Amino acid sequence: MSIERFILRKLSRCKQKQLRANLLQLLIIRIQKAEQQRIAMEKARRNAV
């Protein structure tokens, strides 16, 4: 199971506000990091051609 799926599953079942906020922030950070990696890969591909 991916970490993102784990976080989503925990978010759907969690009732503690602070824990939900932390999980949501972690998910947002992971999405932003993945987006940065995608952009870097696209730039590398363009520079390689």
N, C-alpha and C. Protein backbone atom coordinates (compact mmCIF):
# COMPACT_ATOMS: atom_id res chain seq x y z
N MET A 1 0.85 -1.17 0.00
CA MET A 1 0.00 0.00 0.00
C MET A 1 0.90 1.24 0.00
N SER A 2 0.55 2.21 -0.83
CA SER A 2 1.34 3.44 -0.87
C SER A 2 1.07 4.27 0.37
N ILE A 3 2.02 5.13 0.66
CA ILE A 3 1.87 6.00 1.83
C ILE A 3 0.67 6.92 1.66
N GLU A 4 0.45 7.38 0.43
CA GLU A 4 -0.68 8.26 0.18
C GLU A 4 -2.01 7.56 0.48
N ARG A 5 -2.13 6.32 0.06
CA ARG A 5 -3.36 5.57 0.34
C ARG A 5 -3.54 5.35 1.84
N PHE A 6 -2.43 5.09 2.53
CA PHE A 6 -2.47 4.91 3.97
C PHE A 6 -2.98 6.19 4.64
N ILE A 7 -2.44 7.33 4.22
CA ILE A 7 -2.86 8.61 4.79
C ILE A 7 -4.34 8.86 4.51
N LEU A 8 -4.77 8.59 3.28
CA LEU A 8 -6.19 8.78 2.95
C LEU A 8 -7.09 7.88 3.77
N ARG A 9 -6.67 6.66 3.98
CA ARG A 9 -7.48 5.74 4.79
C ARG A 9 -7.57 6.23 6.23
N LYS A 10 -6.45 6.68 6.77
CA LYS A 10 -6.45 7.21 8.14
C LYS A 10 -7.31 8.47 8.23
N LEU A 11 -7.23 9.33 7.21
CA LEU A 11 -8.05 10.54 7.21
C LEU A 11 -9.53 10.21 7.22
N SER A 12 -9.91 9.20 6.48
CA SER A 12 -11.33 8.87 6.40
C SER A 12 -11.88 8.31 7.70
N ARG A 13 -11.01 7.76 8.53
CA ARG A 13 -11.47 7.14 9.78
C ARG A 13 -11.17 7.94 11.03
N CYS A 14 -10.32 8.94 10.90
CA CYS A 14 -9.85 9.69 12.06
C CYS A 14 -10.91 10.68 12.53
N LYS A 15 -11.06 10.80 13.85
CA LYS A 15 -12.02 11.73 14.42
C LYS A 15 -11.36 12.85 15.21
N GLN A 16 -10.06 12.73 15.48
CA GLN A 16 -9.35 13.76 16.22
C GLN A 16 -8.95 14.89 15.28
N LYS A 17 -9.34 16.10 15.63
CA LYS A 17 -9.11 17.24 14.74
C LYS A 17 -7.62 17.48 14.49
N GLN A 18 -6.81 17.43 15.54
CA GLN A 18 -5.39 17.73 15.37
C GLN A 18 -4.71 16.66 14.52
N LEU A 19 -5.05 15.41 14.73
CA LEU A 19 -4.47 14.33 13.94
C LEU A 19 -4.89 14.46 12.48
N ARG A 20 -6.16 14.79 12.25
CA ARG A 20 -6.64 14.99 10.87
C ARG A 20 -5.88 16.13 10.19
N ALA A 21 -5.67 17.21 10.93
CA ALA A 21 -4.95 18.35 10.37
C ALA A 21 -3.52 17.96 10.01
N ASN A 22 -2.87 17.20 10.88
CA ASN A 22 -1.50 16.76 10.61
C ASN A 22 -1.44 15.82 9.40
N LEU A 23 -2.37 14.89 9.33
CA LEU A 23 -2.41 13.97 8.20
C LEU A 23 -2.65 14.72 6.89
N LEU A 24 -3.55 15.67 6.93
CA LEU A 24 -3.85 16.46 5.74
C LEU A 24 -2.62 17.27 5.30
N GLN A 25 -1.93 17.85 6.27
CA GLN A 25 -0.73 18.62 5.94
C GLN A 25 0.35 17.70 5.35
N LEU A 26 0.50 16.52 5.89
CA LEU A 26 1.46 15.55 5.36
C LEU A 26 1.11 15.17 3.93
N LEU A 27 -0.16 14.94 3.67
CA LEU A 27 -0.60 14.59 2.31
C LEU A 27 -0.32 15.73 1.34
N ILE A 28 -0.57 16.94 1.75
CA ILE A 28 -0.31 18.10 0.90
C ILE A 28 1.18 18.22 0.59
N ILE A 29 2.02 18.01 1.58
CA ILE A 29 3.47 18.07 1.38
C ILE A 29 3.90 17.00 0.38
N ARG A 30 3.37 15.81 0.50
CA ARG A 30 3.73 14.71 -0.41
C ARG A 30 3.27 15.02 -1.84
N ILE A 31 2.10 15.62 -1.99
CA ILE A 31 1.61 15.98 -3.33
C ILE A 31 2.50 17.05 -3.93
N GLN A 32 2.87 18.05 -3.15
CA GLN A 32 3.73 19.11 -3.65
C GLN A 32 5.10 18.57 -4.05
N LYS A 33 5.63 17.67 -3.26
CA LYS A 33 6.93 17.07 -3.56
C LYS A 33 6.86 16.27 -4.87
N ALA A 34 5.79 15.52 -5.06
CA ALA A 34 5.62 14.74 -6.28
C ALA A 34 5.50 15.67 -7.49
N GLU A 35 4.81 16.79 -7.32
CA GLU A 35 4.67 17.75 -8.41
C GLU A 35 6.02 18.37 -8.77
N GLN A 36 6.82 18.68 -7.78
CA GLN A 36 8.16 19.23 -8.03
C GLN A 36 9.03 18.23 -8.77
N GLN A 37 8.93 16.96 -8.39
CA GLN A 37 9.71 15.93 -9.06
C GLN A 37 9.25 15.77 -10.51
N ARG A 38 7.96 15.85 -10.75
CA ARG A 38 7.43 15.75 -12.11
C ARG A 38 7.95 16.89 -12.98
N ILE A 39 7.94 18.09 -12.43
CA ILE A 39 8.43 19.25 -13.17
C ILE A 39 9.92 19.10 -13.46
N ALA A 40 10.69 18.64 -12.49
CA ALA A 40 12.12 18.45 -12.69
C ALA A 40 12.39 17.40 -13.77
N MET A 41 11.60 16.35 -13.80
CA MET A 41 11.77 15.32 -14.82
C MET A 41 11.44 15.87 -16.21
N GLU A 42 10.41 16.68 -16.32
CA GLU A 42 10.06 17.29 -17.60
C GLU A 42 11.18 18.20 -18.09
N LYS A 43 11.75 18.98 -17.19
CA LYS A 43 12.86 19.87 -17.56
C LYS A 43 14.06 19.05 -18.02
N ALA A 44 14.34 17.97 -17.31
CA ALA A 44 15.48 17.12 -17.68
C ALA A 44 15.27 16.51 -19.06
N ARG A 45 14.05 16.09 -19.36
CA ARG A 45 13.74 15.53 -20.67
C ARG A 45 13.92 16.57 -21.77
N ARG A 46 13.46 17.78 -21.51
CA ARG A 46 13.60 18.84 -22.51
C ARG A 46 15.06 19.18 -22.75
N ASN A 47 15.87 19.18 -21.70
CA ASN A 47 17.28 19.51 -21.84
C ASN A 47 18.06 18.38 -22.51
N ALA A 48 17.58 17.15 -22.40
CA ALA A 48 18.27 16.01 -22.98
C ALA A 48 18.09 15.95 -24.50
N VAL A 49 17.03 16.55 -24.98
CA VAL A 49 16.73 16.48 -26.43
C VAL A 49 17.46 17.54 -27.19
